[in-house]
Amino acid sequence: MWVLLSEIFPNRVRGVAISFVGLVNSAVCTVVQLLFPWQMDRFGGAPTFFIYAMFAILGVVWFARVLPETRGRSLEELEESLVRHH
């Protein structure tokens, strides 16, 4: 995740963007840690893990469709292709 993020943000905002993503990541992890015990008590193990599996599958599908391949490309090439697409 961190390697990908360091490649997809433009050079001029990379430091701030990665810091912001780190903040969002920490917030989501905190929410999951707070909700998980409640979900286990309320729904049980299988439904709780099914919920997280669905989020993981949706994330993989979204990333596969939206994010460009970064292998073998310079940061400048990636920035140009991302600006062109959006």
C-alpha atoms as a PDB file:
ATOM      1  CA  MET A   1       0.000   0.000   0.000  1.00  0.00           C
ATOM      2  CA  TRP A   2       2.672   2.511   0.952  1.00  0.00           C
ATOM      3  CA  VAL A   3       4.770   1.830  -2.150  1.00  0.00           C
ATOM      4  CA  LEU A   4       1.748   2.320  -4.387  1.00  0.00           C
ATOM      5  CA  LEU A   5       0.784   5.560  -2.660  1.00  0.00           C
ATOM      6  CA  SER A   6       4.295   6.934  -3.002  1.00  0.00           C
ATOM      7  CA  GLU A   7       4.043   6.349  -6.756  1.00  0.00           C
ATOM      8  CA  ILE A   8       0.581   7.629  -7.642  1.00  0.00           C
ATOM      9  CA  PHE A   9       0.624  11.090  -6.046  1.00  0.00           C
ATOM     10  CA  PRO A  10       2.229  13.972  -7.961  1.00  0.00           C
ATOM     11  CA  ASN A  11       5.613  15.126  -6.665  1.00  0.00           C
ATOM     12  CA  ARG A  12       4.300  18.518  -5.542  1.00  0.00           C
ATOM     13  CA  VAL A  13       1.751  17.002  -3.098  1.00  0.00           C
ATOM     14  CA  ARG A  14       3.262  13.600  -2.353  1.00  0.00           C
ATOM     15  CA  GLY A  15       4.400  14.312   1.230  1.00  0.00           C
ATOM     16  CA  VAL A  16       1.111  15.876   2.339  1.00  0.00           C
ATOM     17  CA  ALA A  17      -0.983  13.292   0.480  1.00  0.00           C
ATOM     18  CA  ILE A  18       0.817  10.313   2.025  1.00  0.00           C
ATOM     19  CA  SER A  19       0.510  11.893   5.481  1.00  0.00           C
ATOM     20  CA  PHE A  20      -3.227  12.391   4.945  1.00  0.00           C
ATOM     21  CA  VAL A  21      -3.655   8.806   3.718  1.00  0.00           C
ATOM     22  CA  GLY A  22      -1.776   7.612   6.812  1.00  0.00           C
ATOM     23  CA  LEU A  23      -4.192   9.572   8.993  1.00  0.00           C
ATOM     24  CA  VAL A  24      -7.210   8.082   7.211  1.00  0.00           C
ATOM     25  CA  ASN A  25      -5.681   4.592   7.477  1.00  0.00           C
ATOM     26  CA  SER A  26      -5.165   5.025  11.224  1.00  0.00           C
ATOM     27  CA  ALA A  27      -8.731   6.301  11.675  1.00  0.00           C
ATOM     28  CA  VAL A  28     -10.208   3.346   9.775  1.00  0.00           C
ATOM     29  CA  CYS A  29      -8.078   0.893  11.774  1.00  0.00           C
ATOM     30  CA  THR A  30      -9.274   2.497  15.011  1.00  0.00           C
ATOM     31  CA  VAL A  31     -12.923   2.203  13.957  1.00  0.00           C
ATOM     32  CA  VAL A  32     -12.440  -1.455  12.994  1.00  0.00           C
ATOM     33  CA  GLN A  33     -10.799  -2.208  16.339  1.00  0.00           C
ATOM     34  CA  LEU A  34     -13.680  -0.586  18.178  1.00  0.00           C
ATOM     35  CA  LEU A  35     -16.403  -2.283  16.104  1.00  0.00           C
ATOM     36  CA  PHE A  36     -14.930  -5.769  15.876  1.00  0.00           C
ATOM     37  CA  PRO A  37     -15.769  -6.978  19.415  1.00  0.00           C
ATOM     38  CA  TRP A  38     -19.320  -5.640  19.060  1.00  0.00           C
ATOM     39  CA  GLN A  39     -19.718  -7.363  15.678  1.00  0.00           C
ATOM     40  CA  MET A  40     -18.460 -10.668  17.092  1.00  0.00           C
ATOM     41  CA  ASP A  41     -20.925 -10.487  19.988  1.00  0.00           C
ATOM     42  CA  ARG A  42     -23.831  -9.357  17.834  1.00  0.00           C
ATOM     43  CA  PHE A  43     -23.346 -11.401  14.647  1.00  0.00           C
ATOM     44  CA  GLY A  44     -20.865 -14.162  15.468  1.00  0.00           C
ATOM     45  CA  GLY A  45     -17.658 -15.124  13.718  1.00  0.00           C
ATOM     46  CA  ALA A  46     -18.750 -16.195  10.231  1.00  0.00           C
ATOM     47  CA  PRO A  47     -20.944 -13.165   9.414  1.00  0.00           C
ATOM     48  CA  THR A  48     -18.381 -10.758  10.839  1.00  0.00           C
ATOM     49  CA  PHE A  49     -15.561 -12.172   8.751  1.00  0.00           C
ATOM     50  CA  PHE A  50     -17.873 -12.327   5.728  1.00  0.00           C
ATOM     51  CA  ILE A  51     -18.425  -8.580   6.033  1.00  0.00           C
ATOM     52  CA  TYR A  52     -14.668  -7.942   6.083  1.00  0.00           C
ATOM     53  CA  ALA A  53     -14.137 -10.373   3.194  1.00  0.00           C
ATOM     54  CA  MET A  54     -16.689  -8.474   1.094  1.00  0.00           C
ATOM     55  CA  PHE A  55     -14.906  -5.188   1.784  1.00  0.00           C
ATOM     56  CA  ALA A  56     -11.611  -6.824   0.773  1.00  0.00           C
ATOM     57  CA  ILE A  57     -13.074  -8.207  -2.459  1.00  0.00           C
ATOM     58  CA  LEU A  58     -14.676  -4.868  -3.340  1.00  0.00           C
ATOM     59  CA  GLY A  59     -11.359  -3.147  -2.657  1.00  0.00           C
ATOM     60  CA  VAL A  60      -9.422  -5.506  -4.909  1.00  0.00           C
ATOM     61  CA  VAL A  61     -11.939  -5.087  -7.732  1.00  0.00           C
ATOM     62  CA  TRP A  62     -11.921  -1.305  -7.369  1.00  0.00           C
ATOM     63  CA  PHE A  63      -8.115  -1.096  -7.282  1.00  0.00           C
ATOM     64  CA  ALA A  64      -7.787  -3.408 -10.289  1.00  0.00           C
ATOM     65  CA  ARG A  65     -10.158  -1.239 -12.321  1.00  0.00           C
ATOM     66  CA  VAL A  66      -9.056   2.233 -11.235  1.00  0.00           C
ATOM     67  CA  LEU A  67      -5.334   2.158 -10.540  1.00  0.00           C
ATOM     68  CA  PRO A  68      -2.764   2.052 -13.329  1.00  0.00           C
ATOM     69  CA  GLU A  69       0.070  -0.458 -13.535  1.00  0.00           C
ATOM     70  CA  THR A  70       3.191   1.169 -12.084  1.00  0.00           C
ATOM     71  CA  ARG A  71       5.804  -1.480 -12.862  1.00  0.00           C
ATOM     72  CA  GLY A  72       8.595  -0.220 -15.122  1.00  0.00           C
ATOM     73  CA  ARG A  73       7.304   3.351 -15.315  1.00  0.00           C
ATOM     74  CA  SER A  74       8.955   6.492 -13.993  1.00  0.00           C
ATOM     75  CA  LEU A  75       7.182   8.743 -11.509  1.00  0.00           C
ATOM     76  CA  GLU A  76       6.870  11.396 -14.212  1.00  0.00           C
ATOM     77  CA  GLU A  77       5.203   8.936 -16.619  1.00  0.00           C
ATOM     78  CA  LEU A  78       2.757   7.879 -13.918  1.00  0.00           C
ATOM     79  CA  GLU A  79       1.916  11.467 -13.046  1.00  0.00           C
ATOM     80  CA  GLU A  80       1.274  12.285 -16.703  1.00  0.00           C
ATOM     81  CA  SER A  81      -0.984   9.266 -17.224  1.00  0.00           C
ATOM     82  CA  LEU A  82      -2.962   9.942 -14.024  1.00  0.00           C
ATOM     83  CA  VAL A  83      -3.493  13.596 -14.922  1.00  0.00           C
ATOM     84  CA  ARG A  84      -4.616  12.600 -18.401  1.00  0.00           C
ATOM     85  CA  HIS A  85      -7.171  10.067 -17.064  1.00  0.00           C
ATOM     86  CA  HIS A  86      -8.678  12.412 -14.509  1.00  0.00           C
END
